[in-house]
């Protein structure tokens, strides 16, 4: 007989495996999410009464998912859109698995999850940057993803980790924390993604000037080392002065999106229909392009204003509720929430020229972080009520 304790252990270890495998294997992490979601649904279905835990983000998150689903009947190519839906719909379940089965008050487990997340990012960074520096690959990549996915993943993790360096429970050794930050930065540099260079520089400068001056030194050292390695130096110069242009053909893609923007404004063209409707492949040097290279354009083109407004509603709610929640949390959780909100900012800024919404790996990291923020906001509300009761 399966006991509640056994299920608790299953989800505890399942979430750890999920966090540790995101950047290393797409089939493995998606299999873990599928298993976690199915078991969670079965558990929820068999419990009487059903124990549904609500968070401040549930309505907005479900509205976005529903907008994605509703675009299917209006798709210009339903077969493409249904295939696209199968690739993403079940994986939204990780948000609900984490909000129901992750105990945010368990500091020991929270620390373990963060160590696994950052440790995995460091391994992926070292693997990708080593292959790049040795000339095995043209840009840093992980075992499961290309440079854009790795760059977004490392940038998002760095955004969290920068705020936790003074937490002695989580970071007993400052030198190791600085080294870990440096390794993440090196990986970001070696992905050759200009947007992630810019976001890394922005967040490191902000945190460095505010509370961690040594990070500025680390950033300077990383930059000097990058410029001192001839091959890396030349590739950076080539990247910045590419004949394709700084926008890397995004001007062609976005112009085509503008020309199509008012044809189906409410419901869009359907999920994953870029290859079906993009009219300017003849103007692209890279014929393998498969997305709109902008998350906001991507959501609008696929699911119209219904999808875009639900997405923006979620974005606004994240920061409105998250910032409000900071005041009621103790330092450990407040720093974690600050890091998560920073990471979210990096996701949304990167989405201006790239995308995580349809990426099979970084979209999972996004939903995981969203669930953690939801739990912290809920925890803050409980703490706030407790403080009000004692007044």
Protein backbone atom coordinates (compact mmCIF):
# COMPACT_ATOMS: atom_id res chain seq x y z
CA UNK A 1 0.00 0.00 0.00
CA UNK A 2 1.31 3.42 -1.00
CA UNK A 3 1.35 5.73 2.01
CA UNK A 4 1.31 9.51 2.16
CA UNK A 5 4.89 9.43 3.42
CA UNK A 6 5.96 7.36 0.41
CA UNK A 7 4.32 9.84 -1.97
CA UNK A 8 5.98 12.74 -0.17
CA UNK A 9 9.38 11.11 -0.68
CA UNK A 10 8.53 10.39 -4.31
CA UNK A 11 7.79 14.04 -5.02
CA UNK A 12 10.78 15.23 -2.97
CA UNK A 13 13.21 13.13 -4.99
CA UNK A 14 11.31 13.64 -8.22
CA UNK A 15 11.61 17.41 -7.96
CA UNK A 16 15.34 17.11 -7.20
CA UNK A 17 15.82 14.92 -10.28
CA UNK A 18 13.81 17.38 -12.35
CA UNK A 19 15.95 20.33 -11.24
CA UNK A 20 19.18 18.41 -11.79
CA UNK A 21 18.34 17.20 -15.29
CA UNK A 22 16.73 20.23 -16.96
CA UNK A 23 19.80 21.29 -18.92
CA UNK A 24 21.24 17.82 -19.60
CA UNK A 25 18.54 15.72 -21.26
CA UNK A 26 15.28 16.79 -22.86
CA UNK A 27 13.72 13.28 -22.93
CA UNK A 28 14.77 12.61 -19.32
CA UNK A 29 13.45 15.85 -17.85
CA UNK A 30 10.23 15.67 -19.83
CA UNK A 31 9.77 12.06 -18.72
CA UNK A 32 10.26 13.12 -15.10
CA UNK A 33 7.72 15.94 -15.46
CA UNK A 34 5.24 13.60 -17.12
CA UNK A 35 5.60 11.05 -14.33
CA UNK A 36 5.35 13.67 -11.58
CA UNK A 37 2.26 15.19 -13.17
CA UNK A 38 0.48 11.86 -13.68
CA UNK A 39 1.17 10.75 -10.10
CA UNK A 40 0.08 14.14 -8.77
CA UNK A 41 -3.21 13.96 -10.71
CA UNK A 42 -3.78 10.39 -9.46
CA UNK A 43 -3.09 11.46 -5.89
CA UNK A 44 -5.41 14.45 -6.21
CA UNK A 45 -8.15 12.31 -7.74
CA UNK A 46 -8.05 9.65 -5.02
CA UNK A 47 -7.96 12.01 -2.05
CA UNK A 48 -11.31 12.69 -0.41
CA UNK A 49 -11.82 15.54 0.04
CA UNK A 50 -9.44 16.72 -2.68
CA UNK A 51 -6.75 18.97 -1.27
CA UNK A 52 -6.28 21.74 -3.83
CA UNK A 53 -3.77 24.38 -2.79
CA UNK A 54 -4.39 27.77 -4.32
CA UNK A 55 -1.80 30.43 -5.11
CA UNK A 56 -2.10 34.04 -6.31
CA UNK A 57 -0.92 33.02 -9.80
CA UNK A 58 -3.32 30.15 -10.54
CA UNK A 59 -5.93 32.16 -12.46
CA UNK A 60 -3.42 34.06 -14.58
CA UNK A 61 -1.39 30.93 -15.33
CA UNK A 62 -4.46 28.92 -16.28
CA UNK A 63 -5.75 31.81 -18.42
CA UNK A 64 -2.52 31.72 -20.42
CA UNK A 65 -2.68 27.92 -20.81
CA UNK A 66 -6.33 28.15 -21.85
CA UNK A 67 -5.50 30.81 -24.45
CA UNK A 68 -2.88 28.47 -25.90
CA UNK A 69 -5.41 25.63 -26.08
CA UNK A 70 -8.18 27.80 -27.55
CA UNK A 71 -5.95 28.83 -30.44
CA UNK A 72 -6.02 25.24 -31.76
CA UNK A 73 -9.52 25.35 -33.37
CA UNK A 74 -8.61 28.59 -35.15
CA UNK A 75 -5.20 27.42 -36.36
CA UNK A 76 -4.31 27.75 -40.02
CA UNK A 77 -2.81 24.26 -39.71
CA UNK A 78 -4.48 22.29 -36.90
CA UNK A 79 -2.18 19.30 -37.29
CA UNK A 80 0.89 21.46 -36.63
CA UNK A 81 -0.81 23.16 -33.69
CA UNK A 82 -2.03 19.94 -32.12
CA UNK A 83 1.50 18.52 -32.36
CA UNK A 84 2.75 21.73 -30.75
CA UNK A 85 0.18 21.43 -27.98
CA UNK A 86 1.30 17.88 -27.22
CA UNK A 87 4.86 19.19 -26.88
CA UNK A 88 3.95 21.68 -24.18
CA UNK A 89 0.57 21.07 -22.53
CA UNK A 90 1.47 18.28 -20.11
CA UNK A 91 4.61 20.12 -19.05
CA UNK A 92 2.61 23.01 -17.63
CA UNK A 93 1.83 20.50 -14.91
CA UNK A 94 5.20 21.11 -13.20
CA UNK A 95 3.80 24.40 -11.87
CA UNK A 96 1.00 22.60 -10.02
CA UNK A 97 3.22 19.72 -8.90
CA UNK A 98 5.61 22.16 -7.24
CA UNK A 99 2.94 24.40 -5.71
CA UNK A 100 1.23 21.35 -4.21
CA UNK A 101 4.13 19.07 -3.31
CA UNK A 102 7.09 21.35 -2.55
CA UNK A 103 7.25 22.49 1.09
CA UNK A 104 8.73 25.96 0.85
CA UNK A 105 8.99 26.24 4.66
CA UNK A 106 11.42 23.28 4.71
CA UNK A 107 14.63 25.29 4.52
CA UNK A 108 16.82 22.19 4.34
CA UNK A 109 15.03 20.94 1.24
CA UNK A 110 14.99 24.42 -0.31
CA UNK A 111 18.76 24.64 0.14
CA UNK A 112 19.26 21.20 -1.39
CA UNK A 113 17.18 22.13 -4.43
CA UNK A 114 19.13 25.36 -4.89
CA UNK A 115 22.47 23.55 -4.59
CA UNK A 116 21.36 21.02 -7.21
CA UNK A 117 20.12 23.78 -9.52
CA UNK A 118 23.31 25.84 -9.27
CA UNK A 119 25.56 22.78 -9.34
CA UNK A 120 23.90 21.55 -12.53
CA UNK A 121 24.30 24.97 -14.09
CA UNK A 122 28.00 25.04 -13.20
CA UNK A 123 28.57 21.57 -14.71
CA UNK A 124 26.74 22.63 -17.89
CA UNK A 125 28.73 25.87 -18.01
CA UNK A 126 32.09 24.12 -17.61
CA UNK A 127 31.15 21.46 -20.17
CA UNK A 128 29.97 23.99 -22.75
CA UNK A 129 32.79 26.51 -22.28
CA UNK A 130 35.49 23.81 -22.33
CA UNK A 131 34.21 22.45 -25.65
CA UNK A 132 34.07 25.98 -27.02
CA UNK A 133 37.58 27.00 -25.88
CA UNK A 134 39.06 23.76 -27.23
CA UNK A 135 37.39 24.40 -30.59
CA UNK A 136 35.17 21.31 -30.41
CA UNK A 137 32.05 23.47 -30.83
CA UNK A 138 31.64 26.93 -32.33
CA UNK A 139 29.68 28.13 -29.30
CA UNK A 140 29.10 26.74 -25.82
CA UNK A 141 26.25 24.22 -25.68
CA UNK A 142 24.99 21.71 -23.16
CA UNK A 143 24.46 18.00 -23.75
CA UNK A 144 20.80 18.68 -24.58
CA UNK A 145 20.60 22.18 -26.01
CA UNK A 146 22.03 24.82 -28.26
CA UNK A 147 23.77 28.04 -27.20
CA UNK A 148 20.60 30.14 -26.84
CA UNK A 149 19.01 27.68 -24.42
CA UNK A 150 22.20 27.29 -22.40
CA UNK A 151 22.73 31.06 -22.31
CA UNK A 152 19.18 31.69 -21.06
CA UNK A 153 19.46 28.89 -18.49
CA UNK A 154 22.79 30.12 -17.09
CA UNK A 155 21.62 33.75 -17.02
CA UNK A 156 18.41 32.83 -15.17
CA UNK A 157 20.29 30.72 -12.59
CA UNK A 158 22.92 33.45 -12.12
CA UNK A 159 20.11 35.94 -11.47
CA UNK A 160 18.99 33.85 -8.49
CA UNK A 161 22.44 32.96 -7.19
CA UNK A 162 23.77 36.53 -7.06
CA UNK A 163 21.36 37.40 -4.25
CA UNK A 164 22.28 34.45 -2.04
CA UNK A 165 26.01 34.99 -1.56
CA UNK A 166 25.71 36.40 1.97
CA UNK A 167 23.44 33.63 3.22
CA UNK A 168 25.73 31.59 5.49
CA UNK A 169 23.27 28.70 5.65
CA UNK A 170 23.29 28.37 1.89
CA UNK A 171 26.82 29.61 1.13
CA UNK A 172 29.23 28.62 3.93
CA UNK A 173 32.26 29.63 1.85
CA UNK A 174 32.34 33.03 0.12
CA UNK A 175 35.30 32.11 -2.07
CA UNK A 176 33.42 29.15 -3.51
CA UNK A 177 30.39 31.36 -4.14
CA UNK A 178 32.51 33.88 -6.06
CA UNK A 179 34.12 31.04 -8.03
CA UNK A 180 30.69 29.59 -8.87
CA UNK A 181 29.51 33.01 -10.10
CA UNK A 182 32.65 33.31 -12.23
CA UNK A 183 32.07 29.88 -13.80
CA UNK A 184 28.48 30.79 -14.66
CA UNK A 185 29.68 34.05 -16.24
CA UNK A 186 32.31 32.25 -18.32
CA UNK A 187 29.66 29.90 -19.66
CA UNK A 188 27.43 32.83 -20.62
CA UNK A 189 30.32 34.53 -22.44
CA UNK A 190 31.12 31.34 -24.34
CA UNK A 191 27.55 30.89 -25.61
CA UNK A 192 28.25 33.97 -27.77
CA UNK A 193 24.75 35.31 -27.17
CA UNK A 194 24.86 39.10 -27.14
CA UNK A 195 21.56 39.46 -25.31
CA UNK A 196 22.81 37.25 -22.48
CA UNK A 197 26.11 39.12 -22.33
CA UNK A 198 24.13 42.34 -21.91
CA UNK A 199 21.76 40.91 -19.29
CA UNK A 200 24.64 39.33 -17.36
CA UNK A 201 26.53 42.62 -17.34
CA UNK A 202 23.44 44.54 -16.26
CA UNK A 203 22.52 42.29 -13.33
CA UNK A 204 26.12 41.83 -12.13
CA UNK A 205 26.73 45.59 -12.21
CA UNK A 206 23.47 46.24 -10.35
CA UNK A 207 24.12 43.68 -7.61
CA UNK A 208 27.83 44.51 -7.49
CA UNK A 209 27.33 48.22 -6.95
CA UNK A 210 24.54 47.64 -4.44
CA UNK A 211 25.93 44.90 -2.18
CA UNK A 212 28.64 42.71 -3.74
CA UNK A 213 31.62 44.81 -4.91
CA UNK A 214 33.77 41.74 -5.49
CA UNK A 215 31.40 40.69 -8.27
CA UNK A 216 32.57 43.72 -10.25
CA UNK A 217 36.13 42.43 -9.97
CA UNK A 218 35.01 38.96 -11.08
CA UNK A 219 33.17 40.46 -14.06
CA UNK A 220 36.27 42.44 -15.02
CA UNK A 221 38.50 39.36 -14.76
CA UNK A 222 36.11 37.29 -16.88
CA UNK A 223 36.07 40.05 -19.52
CA UNK A 224 39.87 40.34 -19.54
CA UNK A 225 40.34 36.58 -19.80
CA UNK A 226 37.88 36.46 -22.69
CA UNK A 227 39.80 39.18 -24.49
CA UNK A 228 43.17 37.61 -23.68
CA UNK A 229 42.38 34.29 -25.38
CA UNK A 230 43.06 34.97 -29.07
CA UNK A 231 40.48 32.58 -30.49
CA UNK A 232 37.80 33.74 -28.07
CA UNK A 233 38.72 37.38 -28.61
CA UNK A 234 38.41 37.03 -32.37
CA UNK A 235 35.09 35.20 -32.15
CA UNK A 236 33.67 37.92 -29.90
CA UNK A 237 34.78 40.59 -32.39
CA UNK A 238 33.28 38.56 -35.24
CA UNK A 239 30.06 38.19 -33.28
CA UNK A 240 29.80 41.92 -32.64
CA UNK A 241 30.68 42.90 -36.22
CA UNK A 242 28.88 40.07 -38.03
CA UNK A 243 27.93 40.88 -41.62
CA UNK A 244 24.49 39.50 -40.88
CA UNK A 245 24.01 42.49 -38.62
CA UNK A 246 23.41 42.98 -34.93
CA UNK A 247 19.77 41.93 -35.21
CA UNK A 248 20.78 38.63 -36.87
CA UNK A 249 17.91 38.74 -39.40
CA UNK A 250 15.37 39.60 -36.74
CA UNK A 251 14.51 42.73 -38.72
CA UNK A 252 13.28 40.49 -41.56
CA UNK A 253 11.34 38.26 -39.16
CA UNK A 254 9.70 41.13 -37.25
CA UNK A 255 8.81 43.00 -40.45
CA UNK A 256 6.99 39.89 -41.67
CA UNK A 257 5.20 39.64 -38.32
CA UNK A 258 4.05 43.25 -38.61
CA UNK A 259 2.71 42.62 -42.10
CA UNK A 260 0.65 39.69 -40.78
CA UNK A 261 -0.26 41.19 -37.42
CA UNK A 262 -3.77 42.40 -38.27
CA UNK A 263 -4.96 39.39 -40.25
CA UNK A 264 -6.00 37.34 -37.16
CA UNK A 265 -5.63 39.72 -34.21
CA UNK A 266 -7.85 37.98 -31.66
CA UNK A 267 -6.88 34.30 -31.87
CA UNK A 268 -3.68 34.28 -33.92
CA UNK A 269 -2.54 31.67 -36.44
CA UNK A 270 -2.18 28.70 -34.09
CA UNK A 271 0.64 27.08 -32.15
CA UNK A 272 3.92 26.34 -33.96
CA UNK A 273 2.64 27.68 -37.30
CA UNK A 274 5.69 29.86 -38.06
CA UNK A 275 6.89 27.60 -40.93
CA UNK A 276 3.36 27.65 -42.39
CA UNK A 277 2.81 31.42 -42.45
CA UNK A 278 6.25 33.08 -42.57
CA UNK A 279 6.44 34.69 -46.02
CA UNK A 280 10.09 35.78 -46.22
CA UNK A 281 12.26 32.68 -46.12
CA UNK A 282 13.87 33.84 -49.36
CA UNK A 283 15.28 36.88 -47.49
CA UNK A 284 16.91 34.81 -44.74
CA UNK A 285 20.44 33.48 -44.83
CA UNK A 286 19.58 30.87 -42.19
CA UNK A 287 16.67 28.86 -43.60
CA UNK A 288 16.36 26.82 -40.39
CA UNK A 289 14.65 29.63 -38.48
CA UNK A 290 11.54 28.26 -36.78
CA UNK A 291 10.21 31.00 -34.50
CA UNK A 292 9.49 34.73 -34.31
CA UNK A 293 12.56 35.42 -32.13
CA UNK A 294 10.51 37.44 -29.66
CA UNK A 295 8.32 35.85 -27.00
CA UNK A 296 5.70 38.59 -27.11
CA UNK A 297 5.45 38.43 -30.89
CA UNK A 298 5.47 34.62 -30.67
CA UNK A 299 2.55 34.55 -28.25
CA UNK A 300 0.60 37.13 -30.25
CA UNK A 301 1.14 35.44 -33.61
CA UNK A 302 0.20 32.03 -32.21
CA UNK A 303 -2.72 32.94 -29.94
CA UNK A 304 -3.58 36.56 -30.71
CA UNK A 305 -4.53 39.26 -28.25
CA UNK A 306 -6.21 36.67 -26.05
CA UNK A 307 -2.89 34.92 -25.53
CA UNK A 308 -0.76 38.06 -25.33
CA UNK A 309 -2.99 39.81 -22.79
CA UNK A 310 -3.14 36.71 -20.59
CA UNK A 311 0.66 36.47 -20.75
CA UNK A 312 1.09 40.15 -19.84
CA UNK A 313 -1.44 39.71 -17.03
CA UNK A 314 0.76 36.95 -15.62
CA UNK A 315 3.89 39.11 -15.97
CA UNK A 316 2.31 42.05 -14.12
CA UNK A 317 0.96 39.79 -11.38
CA UNK A 318 4.36 38.19 -10.79
CA UNK A 319 6.01 41.51 -10.01
CA UNK A 320 3.06 43.17 -8.27
CA UNK A 321 2.53 40.25 -5.89
CA UNK A 322 6.22 39.39 -5.61
CA UNK A 323 7.39 42.87 -4.64
CA UNK A 324 4.54 43.21 -2.17
CA UNK A 325 5.49 39.88 -0.57
CA UNK A 326 9.07 40.93 0.22
CA UNK A 327 8.12 42.92 3.32
CA UNK A 328 6.74 39.96 5.31
CA UNK A 329 9.51 37.43 4.65
CA UNK A 330 12.53 36.67 6.81
CA UNK A 331 15.96 37.34 5.20
CA UNK A 332 16.51 33.81 3.83
CA UNK A 333 13.25 33.77 1.90
CA UNK A 334 13.40 37.47 1.03
CA UNK A 335 16.79 37.03 -0.66
CA UNK A 336 15.48 33.98 -2.50
CA UNK A 337 12.42 35.88 -3.69
CA UNK A 338 14.59 38.81 -4.83
CA UNK A 339 16.74 36.39 -6.80
CA UNK A 340 13.72 34.72 -8.37
CA UNK A 341 12.15 38.06 -9.34
CA UNK A 342 15.47 39.10 -10.88
CA UNK A 343 15.63 35.84 -12.79
CA UNK A 344 12.09 36.44 -14.04
CA UNK A 345 13.12 39.91 -15.20
CA UNK A 346 15.95 38.33 -17.17
CA UNK A 347 13.53 35.87 -18.77
CA UNK A 348 11.17 38.64 -19.86
CA UNK A 349 13.97 40.93 -21.11
CA UNK A 350 15.58 38.10 -23.05
CA UNK A 351 12.17 37.42 -24.57
CA UNK A 352 12.39 40.72 -26.43
CA UNK A 353 14.93 39.26 -28.85
CA UNK A 354 14.68 35.54 -28.24
CA UNK A 355 12.36 33.14 -26.55
CA UNK A 356 11.81 30.75 -23.70
CA UNK A 357 8.03 30.28 -24.09
CA UNK A 358 8.30 27.43 -26.59
CA UNK A 359 11.75 26.20 -25.62
CA UNK A 360 11.35 22.70 -24.13
CA UNK A 361 13.98 23.29 -21.41
CA UNK A 362 13.98 26.94 -20.36
CA UNK A 363 10.17 27.01 -20.34
CA UNK A 364 10.33 24.27 -17.69
CA UNK A 365 12.79 26.32 -15.62
CA UNK A 366 10.47 29.32 -15.97
CA UNK A 367 7.45 27.36 -14.69
CA UNK A 368 9.49 25.96 -11.81
CA UNK A 369 10.60 29.45 -10.78
CA UNK A 370 7.04 30.72 -11.17
CA UNK A 371 5.85 28.02 -8.78
CA UNK A 372 8.51 28.94 -6.21
CA UNK A 373 7.50 32.61 -6.38
CA UNK A 374 3.85 31.60 -5.96
CA UNK A 375 4.77 29.61 -2.83
CA UNK A 376 6.80 32.49 -1.39
CA UNK A 377 3.99 34.97 -2.04
CA UNK A 378 1.57 32.60 -0.29
CA UNK A 379 4.03 32.19 2.62
CA UNK A 380 4.33 35.98 2.89
CA UNK A 381 0.54 36.33 3.03
CA UNK A 382 0.38 33.78 5.87
CA UNK A 383 3.15 35.60 7.74
CA UNK A 384 1.37 38.90 7.18
CA UNK A 385 -1.85 37.53 8.59
CA UNK A 386 0.03 36.18 11.59
CA UNK A 387 1.62 39.55 12.28
CA UNK A 388 -1.76 41.30 11.94
CA UNK A 389 -3.28 38.86 14.43
CA UNK A 390 -0.62 39.66 17.03
CA UNK A 391 -1.09 43.43 16.74
